[in-house]
């Protein structure tokens, strides 16, 4: 995994939006004086909102939304 991806996913894990995570990853690369020839570009699918937090629910939350009960 590249450094930029590492920084990006770390920020997402701390409940940052996609835009914030991307900007933080770029800032970290800049602080480390990483060569600008490999600067990542944020590509978004149509309709995606990069300002919203990117958080995946846990398995139990997803099951609860689907109306499933936890097996004992």
PDB file of N, CA and C in Angstrom:
ATOM      1  N   UNK A   1       0.847  -1.170   0.000  1.00  0.00           N
ATOM      2  CA  UNK A   1       0.000   0.000   0.000  1.00  0.00           C
ATOM      3  C   UNK A   1       0.897   1.238   0.000  1.00  0.00           C
ATOM      4  N   UNK A   2       0.498   2.225  -0.752  1.00  0.00           N
ATOM      5  CA  UNK A   2       1.288   3.446  -0.811  1.00  0.00           C
ATOM      6  C   UNK A   2       1.087   4.267   0.454  1.00  0.00           C
ATOM      7  N   UNK A   3       2.001   5.169   0.679  1.00  0.00           N
ATOM      8  CA  UNK A   3       1.881   6.034   1.859  1.00  0.00           C
ATOM      9  C   UNK A   3       0.595   6.849   1.800  1.00  0.00           C
ATOM     10  N   UNK A   4       0.280   7.378   0.619  1.00  0.00           N
ATOM     11  CA  UNK A   4      -0.930   8.201   0.519  1.00  0.00           C
ATOM     12  C   UNK A   4      -2.168   7.391   0.870  1.00  0.00           C
ATOM     13  N   UNK A   5      -2.235   6.145   0.423  1.00  0.00           N
ATOM     14  CA  UNK A   5      -3.384   5.290   0.749  1.00  0.00           C
ATOM     15  C   UNK A   5      -3.431   5.019   2.247  1.00  0.00           C
ATOM     16  N   UNK A   6      -2.285   4.802   2.851  1.00  0.00           N
ATOM     17  CA  UNK A   6      -2.224   4.558   4.292  1.00  0.00           C
ATOM     18  C   UNK A   6      -2.798   5.743   5.052  1.00  0.00           C
ATOM     19  N   UNK A   7      -2.350   6.935   4.716  1.00  0.00           N
ATOM     20  CA  UNK A   7      -2.828   8.140   5.397  1.00  0.00           C
ATOM     21  C   UNK A   7      -4.318   8.359   5.136  1.00  0.00           C
ATOM     22  N   UNK A   8      -4.743   8.104   3.915  1.00  0.00           N
ATOM     23  CA  UNK A   8      -6.142   8.278   3.534  1.00  0.00           C
ATOM     24  C   UNK A   8      -7.044   7.365   4.362  1.00  0.00           C
ATOM     25  N   UNK A   9      -6.707   6.087   4.409  1.00  0.00           N
ATOM     26  CA  UNK A   9      -7.545   5.129   5.139  1.00  0.00           C
ATOM     27  C   UNK A   9      -7.484   5.334   6.648  1.00  0.00           C
ATOM     28  N   UNK A  10      -6.357   5.803   7.164  1.00  0.00           N
ATOM     29  CA  UNK A  10      -6.289   6.121   8.586  1.00  0.00           C
ATOM     30  C   UNK A  10      -7.275   7.228   8.923  1.00  0.00           C
ATOM     31  N   UNK A  11      -7.331   8.248   8.091  1.00  0.00           N
ATOM     32  CA  UNK A  11      -8.258   9.356   8.337  1.00  0.00           C
ATOM     33  C   UNK A  11      -9.706   8.884   8.243  1.00  0.00           C
ATOM     34  N   UNK A  12     -10.007   8.019   7.278  1.00  0.00           N
ATOM     35  CA  UNK A  12     -11.367   7.480   7.163  1.00  0.00           C
ATOM     36  C   UNK A  12     -11.743   6.702   8.420  1.00  0.00           C
ATOM     37  N   UNK A  13     -10.782   5.971   8.964  1.00  0.00           N
ATOM     38  CA  UNK A  13     -11.035   5.177  10.166  1.00  0.00           C
ATOM     39  C   UNK A  13     -11.362   6.063  11.369  1.00  0.00           C
ATOM     40  N   UNK A  14     -10.930   7.316  11.321  1.00  0.00           N
ATOM     41  CA  UNK A  14     -11.225   8.253  12.396  1.00  0.00           C
ATOM     42  C   UNK A  14     -12.399   9.153  12.046  1.00  0.00           C
ATOM     43  N   UNK A  15     -13.319   8.606  11.229  1.00  0.00           N
ATOM     44  CA  UNK A  15     -14.602   9.238  10.927  1.00  0.00           C
ATOM     45  C   UNK A  15     -14.474  10.555  10.170  1.00  0.00           C
ATOM     46  N   UNK A  16     -13.459  10.679   9.347  1.00  0.00           N
ATOM     47  CA  UNK A  16     -13.320  11.854   8.495  1.00  0.00           C
ATOM     48  C   UNK A  16     -14.070  11.617   7.195  1.00  0.00           C
ATOM     49  N   UNK A  17     -14.463  12.698   6.533  1.00  0.00           N
ATOM     50  CA  UNK A  17     -15.103  12.568   5.229  1.00  0.00           C
ATOM     51  C   UNK A  17     -14.039  12.179   4.207  1.00  0.00           C
ATOM     52  N   UNK A  18     -14.490  11.763   3.050  1.00  0.00           N
ATOM     53  CA  UNK A  18     -13.560  11.399   1.977  1.00  0.00           C
ATOM     54  C   UNK A  18     -12.695  12.599   1.609  1.00  0.00           C
ATOM     55  N   UNK A  19     -13.294  13.771   1.500  1.00  0.00           N
ATOM     56  CA  UNK A  19     -12.544  14.993   1.152  1.00  0.00           C
ATOM     57  C   UNK A  19     -11.515  15.313   2.236  1.00  0.00           C
ATOM     58  N   UNK A  20     -11.927  15.261   3.508  1.00  0.00           N
ATOM     59  CA  UNK A  20     -10.992  15.540   4.600  1.00  0.00           C
ATOM     60  C   UNK A  20      -9.853  14.522   4.617  1.00  0.00           C
ATOM     61  N   UNK A  21     -10.192  13.263   4.440  1.00  0.00           N
ATOM     62  CA  UNK A  21      -9.170  12.211   4.447  1.00  0.00           C
ATOM     63  C   UNK A  21      -8.176  12.420   3.311  1.00  0.00           C
ATOM     64  N   UNK A  22      -8.675  12.766   2.148  1.00  0.00           N
ATOM     65  CA  UNK A  22      -7.794  13.010   1.009  1.00  0.00           C
ATOM     66  C   UNK A  22      -6.888  14.209   1.279  1.00  0.00           C
ATOM     67  N   UNK A  23      -7.472  15.301   1.773  1.00  0.00           N
ATOM     68  CA  UNK A  23      -6.681  16.498   2.068  1.00  0.00           C
ATOM     69  C   UNK A  23      -5.638  16.236   3.151  1.00  0.00           C
ATOM     70  N   UNK A  24      -6.004  15.459   4.163  1.00  0.00           N
ATOM     71  CA  UNK A  24      -5.042  15.119   5.221  1.00  0.00           C
ATOM     72  C   UNK A  24      -3.900  14.254   4.675  1.00  0.00           C
ATOM     73  N   UNK A  25      -4.231  13.331   3.786  1.00  0.00           N
ATOM     74  CA  UNK A  25      -3.197  12.486   3.177  1.00  0.00           C
ATOM     75  C   UNK A  25      -2.229  13.342   2.366  1.00  0.00           C
ATOM     76  N   UNK A  26      -2.759  14.297   1.603  1.00  0.00           N
ATOM     77  CA  UNK A  26      -1.890  15.186   0.830  1.00  0.00           C
ATOM     78  C   UNK A  26      -1.013  16.037   1.741  1.00  0.00           C
ATOM     79  N   UNK A  27      -1.582  16.510   2.840  1.00  0.00           N
ATOM     80  CA  UNK A  27      -0.807  17.315   3.789  1.00  0.00           C
ATOM     81  C   UNK A  27       0.320  16.495   4.402  1.00  0.00           C
ATOM     82  N   UNK A  28       0.032  15.251   4.735  1.00  0.00           N
ATOM     83  CA  UNK A  28       1.065  14.389   5.307  1.00  0.00           C
ATOM     84  C   UNK A  28       2.179  14.135   4.302  1.00  0.00           C
ATOM     85  N   UNK A  29       1.806  13.900   3.041  1.00  0.00           N
ATOM     86  CA  UNK A  29       2.818  13.709   1.999  1.00  0.00           C
ATOM     87  C   UNK A  29       3.678  14.956   1.857  1.00  0.00           C
ATOM     88  N   UNK A  30       3.047  16.117   1.938  1.00  0.00           N
ATOM     89  CA  UNK A  30       3.780  17.375   1.841  1.00  0.00           C
ATOM     90  C   UNK A  30       4.739  17.534   3.012  1.00  0.00           C
ATOM     91  N   UNK A  31       4.292  17.173   4.220  1.00  0.00           N
ATOM     92  CA  UNK A  31       5.157  17.267   5.400  1.00  0.00           C
ATOM     93  C   UNK A  31       6.380  16.363   5.279  1.00  0.00           C
ATOM     94  N   UNK A  32       6.204  15.245   4.607  1.00  0.00           N
ATOM     95  CA  UNK A  32       7.308  14.304   4.448  1.00  0.00           C
ATOM     96  C   UNK A  32       8.131  14.587   3.196  1.00  0.00           C
ATOM     97  N   UNK A  33       7.797  15.660   2.511  1.00  0.00           N
ATOM     98  CA  UNK A  33       8.507  16.060   1.284  1.00  0.00           C
ATOM     99  C   UNK A  33       8.552  14.937   0.258  1.00  0.00           C
ATOM    100  N   UNK A  34       7.400  14.285   0.053  1.00  0.00           N
ATOM    101  CA  UNK A  34       7.303  13.237  -0.953  1.00  0.00           C
ATOM    102  C   UNK A  34       7.286  13.888  -2.330  1.00  0.00           C
ATOM    103  N   UNK A  35       7.985  13.285  -3.269  1.00  0.00           N
ATOM    104  CA  UNK A  35       8.077  13.799  -4.633  1.00  0.00           C
ATOM    105  C   UNK A  35       6.691  14.047  -5.218  1.00  0.00           C
ATOM    106  N   UNK A  36       6.481  15.232  -5.796  1.00  0.00           N
ATOM    107  CA  UNK A  36       5.192  15.621  -6.340  1.00  0.00           C
ATOM    108  C   UNK A  36       4.771  14.870  -7.583  1.00  0.00           C
ATOM    109  N   UNK A  37       5.658  14.077  -8.181  1.00  0.00           N
ATOM    110  CA  UNK A  37       5.300  13.364  -9.404  1.00  0.00           C
ATOM    111  C   UNK A  37       4.286  12.258  -9.150  1.00  0.00           C
ATOM    112  N   UNK A  38       4.155  11.835  -7.895  1.00  0.00           N
ATOM    113  CA  UNK A  38       3.217  10.769  -7.568  1.00  0.00           C
ATOM    114  C   UNK A  38       2.053  11.259  -6.708  1.00  0.00           C
ATOM    115  N   UNK A  39       1.684  12.522  -6.866  1.00  0.00           N
ATOM    116  CA  UNK A  39       0.595  13.067  -6.069  1.00  0.00           C
ATOM    117  C   UNK A  39      -0.713  12.429  -6.515  1.00  0.00           C
ATOM    118  N   UNK A  40      -1.463  11.860  -5.583  1.00  0.00           N
ATOM    119  CA  UNK A  40      -2.726  11.214  -5.941  1.00  0.00           C
ATOM    120  C   UNK A  40      -3.786  12.231  -6.351  1.00  0.00           C
ATOM    121  N   UNK A  41      -4.784  11.740  -7.066  1.00  0.00           N
ATOM    122  CA  UNK A  41      -5.912  12.548  -7.509  1.00  0.00           C
ATOM    123  C   UNK A  41      -7.173  11.885  -6.971  1.00  0.00           C
ATOM    124  N   UNK A  42      -8.069  12.676  -6.404  1.00  0.00           N
ATOM    125  CA  UNK A  42      -9.321  12.149  -5.875  1.00  0.00           C
ATOM    126  C   UNK A  42     -10.340  12.063  -7.003  1.00  0.00           C
ATOM    127  N   UNK A  43     -10.774  10.851  -7.302  1.00  0.00           N
ATOM    128  CA  UNK A  43     -11.796  10.625  -8.317  1.00  0.00           C
ATOM    129  C   UNK A  43     -13.074  10.176  -7.618  1.00  0.00           C
ATOM    130  N   UNK A  44     -14.167  10.800  -7.969  1.00  0.00           N
ATOM    131  CA  UNK A  44     -15.452  10.485  -7.345  1.00  0.00           C
ATOM    132  C   UNK A  44     -16.444  10.030  -8.392  1.00  0.00           C
ATOM    133  N   UNK A  45     -17.279   9.085  -8.022  1.00  0.00           N
ATOM    134  CA  UNK A  45     -18.336   8.666  -8.936  1.00  0.00           C
ATOM    135  C   UNK A  45     -19.415   9.750  -8.945  1.00  0.00           C
ATOM    136  N   UNK A  46     -20.166   9.849 -10.017  1.00  0.00           N
ATOM    137  CA  UNK A  46     -21.241  10.847 -10.080  1.00  0.00           C
ATOM    138  C   UNK A  46     -22.223  10.663  -8.925  1.00  0.00           C
ATOM    139  N   UNK A  47     -22.569  11.760  -8.293  1.00  0.00           N
ATOM    140  CA  UNK A  47     -23.518  11.725  -7.195  1.00  0.00           C
ATOM    141  C   UNK A  47     -22.898  11.499  -5.831  1.00  0.00           C
ATOM    142  N   UNK A  48     -21.615  11.179  -5.775  1.00  0.00           N
ATOM    143  CA  UNK A  48     -20.946  10.954  -4.489  1.00  0.00           C
ATOM    144  C   UNK A  48     -20.720  12.292  -3.792  1.00  0.00           C
ATOM    145  N   UNK A  49     -20.901  12.311  -2.487  1.00  0.00           N
ATOM    146  CA  UNK A  49     -20.690  13.516  -1.692  1.00  0.00           C
ATOM    147  C   UNK A  49     -19.439  13.330  -0.837  1.00  0.00           C
ATOM    148  N   UNK A  50     -18.318  13.933  -1.243  1.00  0.00           N
ATOM    149  CA  UNK A  50     -17.065  13.728  -0.508  1.00  0.00           C
ATOM    150  C   UNK A  50     -17.030  14.412   0.845  1.00  0.00           C
ATOM    151  N   UNK A  51     -18.052  15.196   1.179  1.00  0.00           N
ATOM    152  CA  UNK A  51     -18.057  15.895   2.460  1.00  0.00           C
ATOM    153  C   UNK A  51     -18.716  15.080   3.568  1.00  0.00           C
ATOM    154  N   UNK A  52     -19.319  13.953   3.239  1.00  0.00           N
ATOM    155  CA  UNK A  52     -19.985  13.111   4.232  1.00  0.00           C
ATOM    156  C   UNK A  52     -18.998  12.112   4.836  1.00  0.00           C
ATOM    157  N   UNK A  53     -19.142  11.814   6.123  1.00  0.00           N
ATOM    158  CA  UNK A  53     -18.263  10.810   6.734  1.00  0.00           C
ATOM    159  C   UNK A  53     -18.415   9.464   6.030  1.00  0.00           C
ATOM    160  N   UNK A  54     -17.326   8.758   5.927  1.00  0.00           N
ATOM    161  CA  UNK A  54     -17.330   7.447   5.290  1.00  0.00           C
ATOM    162  C   UNK A  54     -17.136   6.421   6.382  1.00  0.00           C
ATOM    163  N   UNK A  55     -18.245   5.877   6.882  1.00  0.00           N
ATOM    164  CA  UNK A  55     -18.192   4.915   7.971  1.00  0.00           C
ATOM    165  C   UNK A  55     -19.023   3.709   7.582  1.00  0.00           C
ATOM    166  N   UNK A  56     -18.443   2.536   7.738  1.00  0.00           N
ATOM    167  CA  UNK A  56     -19.176   1.304   7.483  1.00  0.00           C
ATOM    168  C   UNK A  56     -19.748   0.806   8.792  1.00  0.00           C
ATOM    169  N   UNK A  57     -20.997   0.352   8.760  1.00  0.00           N
ATOM    170  CA  UNK A  57     -21.617  -0.180   9.965  1.00  0.00           C
ATOM    171  C   UNK A  57     -21.010  -1.517  10.327  1.00  0.00           C
ATOM    172  N   UNK A  58     -21.181  -1.898  11.564  1.00  0.00           N
ATOM    173  CA  UNK A  58     -20.698  -3.204  11.989  1.00  0.00           C
ATOM    174  C   UNK A  58     -21.649  -4.273  11.492  1.00  0.00           C
ATOM    175  N   UNK A  59     -21.228  -5.475  11.547  1.00  0.00           N
ATOM    176  CA  UNK A  59     -22.048  -6.590  11.067  1.00  0.00           C
ATOM    177  C   UNK A  59     -23.389  -6.632  11.809  1.00  0.00           C
ATOM    178  N   UNK A  60     -23.368  -6.457  13.135  1.00  0.00           N
ATOM    179  CA  UNK A  60     -24.609  -6.520  13.903  1.00  0.00           C
ATOM    180  C   UNK A  60     -25.545  -5.369  13.545  1.00  0.00           C
ATOM    181  N   UNK A  61     -24.989  -4.184  13.258  1.00  0.00           N
ATOM    182  CA  UNK A  61     -25.822  -3.068  12.839  1.00  0.00           C
ATOM    183  C   UNK A  61     -26.465  -3.358  11.488  1.00  0.00           C
ATOM    184  N   UNK A  62     -25.693  -3.918  10.570  1.00  0.00           N
ATOM    185  CA  UNK A  62     -26.228  -4.248   9.259  1.00  0.00           C
ATOM    186  C   UNK A  62     -27.297  -5.325   9.362  1.00  0.00           C
ATOM    187  N   UNK A  63     -27.085  -6.328  10.213  1.00  0.00           N
ATOM    188  CA  UNK A  63     -28.078  -7.373  10.415  1.00  0.00           C
ATOM    189  C   UNK A  63     -29.354  -6.798  11.011  1.00  0.00           C
ATOM    190  N   UNK A  64     -29.214  -5.874  11.969  1.00  0.00           N
ATOM    191  CA  UNK A  64     -30.385  -5.269  12.604  1.00  0.00           C
ATOM    192  C   UNK A  64     -31.195  -4.474  11.590  1.00  0.00           C
ATOM    193  N   UNK A  65     -30.526  -3.774  10.691  1.00  0.00           N
ATOM    194  CA  UNK A  65     -31.225  -3.015   9.665  1.00  0.00           C
ATOM    195  C   UNK A  65     -31.981  -3.943   8.721  1.00  0.00           C
ATOM    196  N   UNK A  66     -31.426  -5.107   8.495  1.00  0.00           N
ATOM    197  CA  UNK A  66     -32.055  -6.078   7.599  1.00  0.00           C
ATOM    198  C   UNK A  66     -33.132  -6.885   8.301  1.00  0.00           C
ATOM    199  N   UNK A  67     -33.330  -6.662   9.619  1.00  0.00           N
ATOM    200  CA  UNK A  67     -34.352  -7.360  10.369  1.00  0.00           C
ATOM    201  C   UNK A  67     -33.925  -8.745  10.820  1.00  0.00           C
ATOM    202  N   UNK A  68     -32.635  -9.012  10.825  1.00  0.00           N
ATOM    203  CA  UNK A  68     -32.140 -10.323  11.250  1.00  0.00           C
ATOM    204  C   UNK A  68     -31.883 -10.323  12.748  1.00  0.00           C
ATOM    205  N   UNK A  69     -32.025 -11.459  13.350  1.00  0.00           N
ATOM    206  CA  UNK A  69     -31.736 -11.619  14.780  1.00  0.00           C
ATOM    207  C   UNK A  69     -30.393 -12.306  14.947  1.00  0.00           C
ATOM    208  N   UNK A  70     -29.717 -11.985  16.035  1.00  0.00           N
ATOM    209  CA  UNK A  70     -28.446 -12.628  16.333  1.00  0.00           C
ATOM    210  C   UNK A  70     -28.689 -14.083  16.745  1.00  0.00           C
ATOM    211  N   UNK A  71     -27.928 -14.977  16.154  1.00  0.00           N
ATOM    212  CA  UNK A  71     -28.043 -16.391  16.518  1.00  0.00           C
ATOM    213  C   UNK A  71     -27.289 -16.641  17.809  1.00  0.00           C
ATOM    214  N   UNK A  72     -27.841 -17.545  18.641  1.00  0.00           N
ATOM    215  CA  UNK A  72     -27.189 -17.865  19.921  1.00  0.00           C
ATOM    216  C   UNK A  72     -26.438 -19.168  19.758  1.00  0.00           C
TER     217      UNK A  72
END
